[in-house]
Amino acid sequence: MPSEISCGAVIFKRNGNRKYLLLHYEGGHWDFVKGHVEKNETEKETVQRETEEEVGMKELTFIDGYRQPISYYYKRAGKTVYKQVIFYLVESKIEKVRLSREHVGFDWLSYDRAYERLTYKNAKDTLKKAHEFLENSLSQSKLGETEKGR
């Protein structure tokens, strides 16, 4: 059975409220930035390249400790293909998006709205895990600040 590996990004920004970037693909579904790993490319290099190609963003901050693999099967030319996608959580300070031709739209959405908009269950699960990771990280940093003040 043919197989593929891709890497992608759950991209968020913080301007008061946290918002997540979703892309509207030509096929009609909503999902995250992602693409195939090229020869001699690391996972993070793939994320950086795909993000620049798909939405025109270069300056990204990877959130340490978050690496979320998903896998699924799909059909291509009548054959079943096994695909694995490794997602990273990245922050962008820039809100401006320059879409590639493979997308027909985008939106920056709150967690609840992004969760509703995503088409596939594995994308919803990925967003949920990323959001919980950020919430837990925020709680831990506030706890650390409280303990420093004692």
C-alpha atoms as a PDB file:
ATOM      1  CA  MET A   1       0.000   0.000   0.000  1.00  0.00           C
ATOM      2  CA  PRO A   2       1.381   3.441  -0.882  1.00  0.00           C
ATOM      3  CA  SER A   3       2.104   5.779   2.021  1.00  0.00           C
ATOM      4  CA  GLU A   4       2.844   9.494   2.479  1.00  0.00           C
ATOM      5  CA  ILE A   5       4.162  11.717   5.231  1.00  0.00           C
ATOM      6  CA  SER A   6       3.299  15.379   5.607  1.00  0.00           C
ATOM      7  CA  CYS A   7       3.748  18.045   8.238  1.00  0.00           C
ATOM      8  CA  GLY A   8       1.407  20.832   9.169  1.00  0.00           C
ATOM      9  CA  ALA A   9       0.758  23.636  11.599  1.00  0.00           C
ATOM     10  CA  VAL A  10      -1.956  24.742  13.934  1.00  0.00           C
ATOM     11  CA  ILE A  11      -1.280  28.474  13.607  1.00  0.00           C
ATOM     12  CA  PHE A  12      -2.574  30.887  16.221  1.00  0.00           C
ATOM     13  CA  LYS A  13      -2.209  34.540  17.099  1.00  0.00           C
ATOM     14  CA  ARG A  14      -2.768  36.480  20.286  1.00  0.00           C
ATOM     15  CA  ASN A  15      -4.129  39.994  19.931  1.00  0.00           C
ATOM     16  CA  GLY A  16      -6.180  40.119  23.093  1.00  0.00           C
ATOM     17  CA  ASN A  17      -7.992  36.890  22.275  1.00  0.00           C
ATOM     18  CA  ARG A  18      -6.388  33.798  20.800  1.00  0.00           C
ATOM     19  CA  LYS A  19      -7.479  32.990  17.247  1.00  0.00           C
ATOM     20  CA  TYR A  20      -6.633  30.047  15.018  1.00  0.00           C
ATOM     21  CA  LEU A  21      -5.995  30.175  11.275  1.00  0.00           C
ATOM     22  CA  LEU A  22      -8.097  27.848   9.127  1.00  0.00           C
ATOM     23  CA  LEU A  23      -7.785  27.427   5.382  1.00  0.00           C
ATOM     24  CA  HIS A  24     -10.634  26.767   2.955  1.00  0.00           C
ATOM     25  CA  TYR A  25      -9.383  24.250   0.399  1.00  0.00           C
ATOM     26  CA  GLU A  26     -10.582  24.013  -3.203  1.00  0.00           C
ATOM     27  CA  GLY A  27     -12.237  20.690  -2.375  1.00  0.00           C
ATOM     28  CA  GLY A  28     -14.572  22.562  -0.009  1.00  0.00           C
ATOM     29  CA  HIS A  29     -13.139  21.449   3.321  1.00  0.00           C
ATOM     30  CA  TRP A  30     -11.588  23.573   6.084  1.00  0.00           C
ATOM     31  CA  ASP A  31      -8.266  22.481   7.533  1.00  0.00           C
ATOM     32  CA  PHE A  32      -4.786  23.609   8.606  1.00  0.00           C
ATOM     33  CA  VAL A  33      -1.610  24.363   6.642  1.00  0.00           C
ATOM     34  CA  LYS A  34       0.066  21.103   5.650  1.00  0.00           C
ATOM     35  CA  GLY A  35       2.155  19.527   2.943  1.00  0.00           C
ATOM     36  CA  HIS A  36       4.528  16.758   1.939  1.00  0.00           C
ATOM     37  CA  VAL A  37       7.964  16.443   3.499  1.00  0.00           C
ATOM     38  CA  GLU A  38      10.567  16.926   0.781  1.00  0.00           C
ATOM     39  CA  LYS A  39      13.821  14.981   0.529  1.00  0.00           C
ATOM     40  CA  ASN A  40      16.412  15.980   3.178  1.00  0.00           C
ATOM     41  CA  GLU A  41      13.918  18.272   4.917  1.00  0.00           C
ATOM     42  CA  THR A  42      13.197  18.166   8.661  1.00  0.00           C
ATOM     43  CA  GLU A  43       9.624  18.248   9.923  1.00  0.00           C
ATOM     44  CA  LYS A  44       9.959  21.836  11.136  1.00  0.00           C
ATOM     45  CA  GLU A  45      11.527  22.895   7.835  1.00  0.00           C
ATOM     46  CA  THR A  46       8.497  21.406   6.077  1.00  0.00           C
ATOM     47  CA  VAL A  47       6.158  23.376   8.343  1.00  0.00           C
ATOM     48  CA  GLN A  48       8.067  26.598   7.670  1.00  0.00           C
ATOM     49  CA  ARG A  49       8.153  26.051   3.894  1.00  0.00           C
ATOM     50  CA  GLU A  50       4.500  25.026   3.642  1.00  0.00           C
ATOM     51  CA  THR A  51       3.380  27.952   5.798  1.00  0.00           C
ATOM     52  CA  GLU A  52       5.270  30.390   3.622  1.00  0.00           C
ATOM     53  CA  GLU A  53       3.973  28.783   0.407  1.00  0.00           C
ATOM     54  CA  GLU A  54       0.347  28.459   1.514  1.00  0.00           C
ATOM     55  CA  VAL A  55      -0.239  31.645   3.544  1.00  0.00           C
ATOM     56  CA  GLY A  56       2.841  33.832   2.996  1.00  0.00           C
ATOM     57  CA  MET A  57       4.005  33.768   6.628  1.00  0.00           C
ATOM     58  CA  LYS A  58       7.715  33.543   7.370  1.00  0.00           C
ATOM     59  CA  GLU A  59       8.078  34.525  11.016  1.00  0.00           C
ATOM     60  CA  LEU A  60       6.735  31.717  13.158  1.00  0.00           C
ATOM     61  CA  THR A  61       7.374  30.729  16.746  1.00  0.00           C
ATOM     62  CA  PHE A  62       7.187  26.988  17.385  1.00  0.00           C
ATOM     63  CA  ILE A  63       5.633  26.143  20.749  1.00  0.00           C
ATOM     64  CA  ASP A  64       8.003  23.763  22.547  1.00  0.00           C
ATOM     65  CA  GLY A  65       6.676  20.356  23.479  1.00  0.00           C
ATOM     66  CA  TYR A  66       3.840  20.102  20.956  1.00  0.00           C
ATOM     67  CA  ARG A  67       4.131  17.527  18.179  1.00  0.00           C
ATOM     68  CA  GLN A  68       0.911  15.750  17.270  1.00  0.00           C
ATOM     69  CA  PRO A  69       0.816  12.962  14.666  1.00  0.00           C
ATOM     70  CA  ILE A  70      -2.409  11.888  12.997  1.00  0.00           C
ATOM     71  CA  SER A  71      -2.985   9.261  10.328  1.00  0.00           C
ATOM     72  CA  TYR A  72      -5.711   8.333   7.906  1.00  0.00           C
ATOM     73  CA  TYR A  73      -6.406   6.558   4.636  1.00  0.00           C
ATOM     74  CA  TYR A  74      -7.614   8.080   1.398  1.00  0.00           C
ATOM     75  CA  LYS A  75      -8.077   7.014  -2.222  1.00  0.00           C
ATOM     76  CA  ARG A  76      -5.851   8.221  -5.058  1.00  0.00           C
ATOM     77  CA  ALA A  77      -6.198   6.829  -8.579  1.00  0.00           C
ATOM     78  CA  GLY A  78      -8.263   3.938  -7.221  1.00  0.00           C
ATOM     79  CA  LYS A  79      -5.617   2.937  -4.656  1.00  0.00           C
ATOM     80  CA  THR A  80      -5.789   3.286  -0.892  1.00  0.00           C
ATOM     81  CA  VAL A  81      -3.029   5.496   0.485  1.00  0.00           C
ATOM     82  CA  TYR A  82      -1.923   5.601   4.132  1.00  0.00           C
ATOM     83  CA  LYS A  83      -1.081   9.146   5.165  1.00  0.00           C
ATOM     84  CA  GLN A  84       0.583  10.403   8.326  1.00  0.00           C
ATOM     85  CA  VAL A  85       0.622  14.113   9.165  1.00  0.00           C
ATOM     86  CA  ILE A  86       2.722  15.550  12.000  1.00  0.00           C
ATOM     87  CA  PHE A  87       1.274  18.791  13.353  1.00  0.00           C
ATOM     88  CA  TYR A  88       3.194  21.471  15.195  1.00  0.00           C
ATOM     89  CA  LEU A  89       1.757  24.366  17.145  1.00  0.00           C
ATOM     90  CA  VAL A  90       3.059  27.726  15.946  1.00  0.00           C
ATOM     91  CA  GLU A  91       2.389  31.324  16.830  1.00  0.00           C
ATOM     92  CA  SER A  92       2.300  34.122  14.309  1.00  0.00           C
ATOM     93  CA  LYS A  93       2.617  37.780  15.238  1.00  0.00           C
ATOM     94  CA  ILE A  94       1.368  38.667  11.756  1.00  0.00           C
ATOM     95  CA  GLU A  95      -2.322  38.525  10.884  1.00  0.00           C
ATOM     96  CA  LYS A  96      -1.906  39.170   7.164  1.00  0.00           C
ATOM     97  CA  VAL A  97      -2.440  36.087   4.980  1.00  0.00           C
ATOM     98  CA  ARG A  98      -1.413  35.682   1.340  1.00  0.00           C
ATOM     99  CA  LEU A  99      -3.185  32.576   0.039  1.00  0.00           C
ATOM    100  CA  SER A 100      -1.739  30.131  -2.452  1.00  0.00           C
ATOM    101  CA  ARG A 101      -3.784  28.931  -5.432  1.00  0.00           C
ATOM    102  CA  GLU A 102      -4.774  25.714  -3.665  1.00  0.00           C
ATOM    103  CA  HIS A 103      -6.969  27.642  -1.228  1.00  0.00           C
ATOM    104  CA  VAL A 104     -10.139  29.637  -1.807  1.00  0.00           C
ATOM    105  CA  GLY A 105     -10.314  31.363   1.559  1.00  0.00           C
ATOM    106  CA  PHE A 106      -9.159  31.600   5.150  1.00  0.00           C
ATOM    107  CA  ASP A 107     -10.409  32.758   8.517  1.00  0.00           C
ATOM    108  CA  TRP A 108      -8.963  33.624  11.917  1.00  0.00           C
ATOM    109  CA  LEU A 109     -11.400  32.154  14.441  1.00  0.00           C
ATOM    110  CA  SER A 110     -11.819  31.679  18.167  1.00  0.00           C
ATOM    111  CA  TYR A 111     -11.407  28.116  19.401  1.00  0.00           C
ATOM    112  CA  ASP A 112     -15.157  27.385  19.480  1.00  0.00           C
ATOM    113  CA  ARG A 113     -15.807  28.799  16.022  1.00  0.00           C
ATOM    114  CA  ALA A 114     -12.711  27.105  14.565  1.00  0.00           C
ATOM    115  CA  TYR A 115     -13.787  23.775  16.058  1.00  0.00           C
ATOM    116  CA  GLU A 116     -17.221  24.127  14.439  1.00  0.00           C
ATOM    117  CA  ARG A 117     -15.777  25.160  11.061  1.00  0.00           C
ATOM    118  CA  LEU A 118     -13.230  22.345  10.678  1.00  0.00           C
ATOM    119  CA  THR A 119     -14.517  19.646   8.360  1.00  0.00           C
ATOM    120  CA  TYR A 120     -12.820  16.463   9.549  1.00  0.00           C
ATOM    121  CA  LYS A 121     -12.859  14.813  12.978  1.00  0.00           C
ATOM    122  CA  ASN A 122      -9.068  14.356  13.035  1.00  0.00           C
ATOM    123  CA  ALA A 123      -8.643  18.119  12.425  1.00  0.00           C
ATOM    124  CA  LYS A 124     -11.086  18.890  15.243  1.00  0.00           C
ATOM    125  CA  ASP A 125      -9.150  16.523  17.544  1.00  0.00           C
ATOM    126  CA  THR A 126      -5.873  18.206  16.544  1.00  0.00           C
ATOM    127  CA  LEU A 127      -7.277  21.662  17.317  1.00  0.00           C
ATOM    128  CA  LYS A 128      -8.646  20.465  20.656  1.00  0.00           C
ATOM    129  CA  LYS A 129      -5.267  19.022  21.694  1.00  0.00           C
ATOM    130  CA  ALA A 130      -3.433  22.187  20.602  1.00  0.00           C
ATOM    131  CA  HIS A 131      -5.891  24.429  22.452  1.00  0.00           C
ATOM    132  CA  GLU A 132      -5.667  22.324  25.625  1.00  0.00           C
ATOM    133  CA  PHE A 133      -1.862  22.359  25.380  1.00  0.00           C
ATOM    134  CA  LEU A 134      -1.888  26.168  25.234  1.00  0.00           C
ATOM    135  CA  GLU A 135      -4.400  26.422  28.081  1.00  0.00           C
ATOM    136  CA  ASN A 136      -2.300  24.090  30.262  1.00  0.00           C
ATOM    137  CA  SER A 137       0.881  25.993  29.401  1.00  0.00           C
ATOM    138  CA  LEU A 138      -0.804  29.263  30.325  1.00  0.00           C
ATOM    139  CA  SER A 139      -2.037  27.807  33.615  1.00  0.00           C
ATOM    140  CA  GLN A 140       1.441  26.489  34.434  1.00  0.00           C
ATOM    141  CA  SER A 141       3.096  29.834  33.705  1.00  0.00           C
ATOM    142  CA  LYS A 142       0.547  31.681  35.889  1.00  0.00           C
ATOM    143  CA  LEU A 143       1.096  29.143  38.656  1.00  0.00           C
ATOM    144  CA  GLY A 144       4.859  29.703  38.388  1.00  0.00           C
ATOM    145  CA  GLU A 145       4.385  33.498  38.612  1.00  0.00           C
ATOM    146  CA  THR A 146       2.176  33.093  41.691  1.00  0.00           C
ATOM    147  CA  GLU A 147       4.744  30.906  43.418  1.00  0.00           C
ATOM    148  CA  LYS A 148       7.560  33.384  42.605  1.00  0.00           C
ATOM    149  CA  GLY A 149       5.599  36.123  44.343  1.00  0.00           C
ATOM    150  CA  ARG A 150       5.433  34.221  47.632  1.00  0.00           C
END
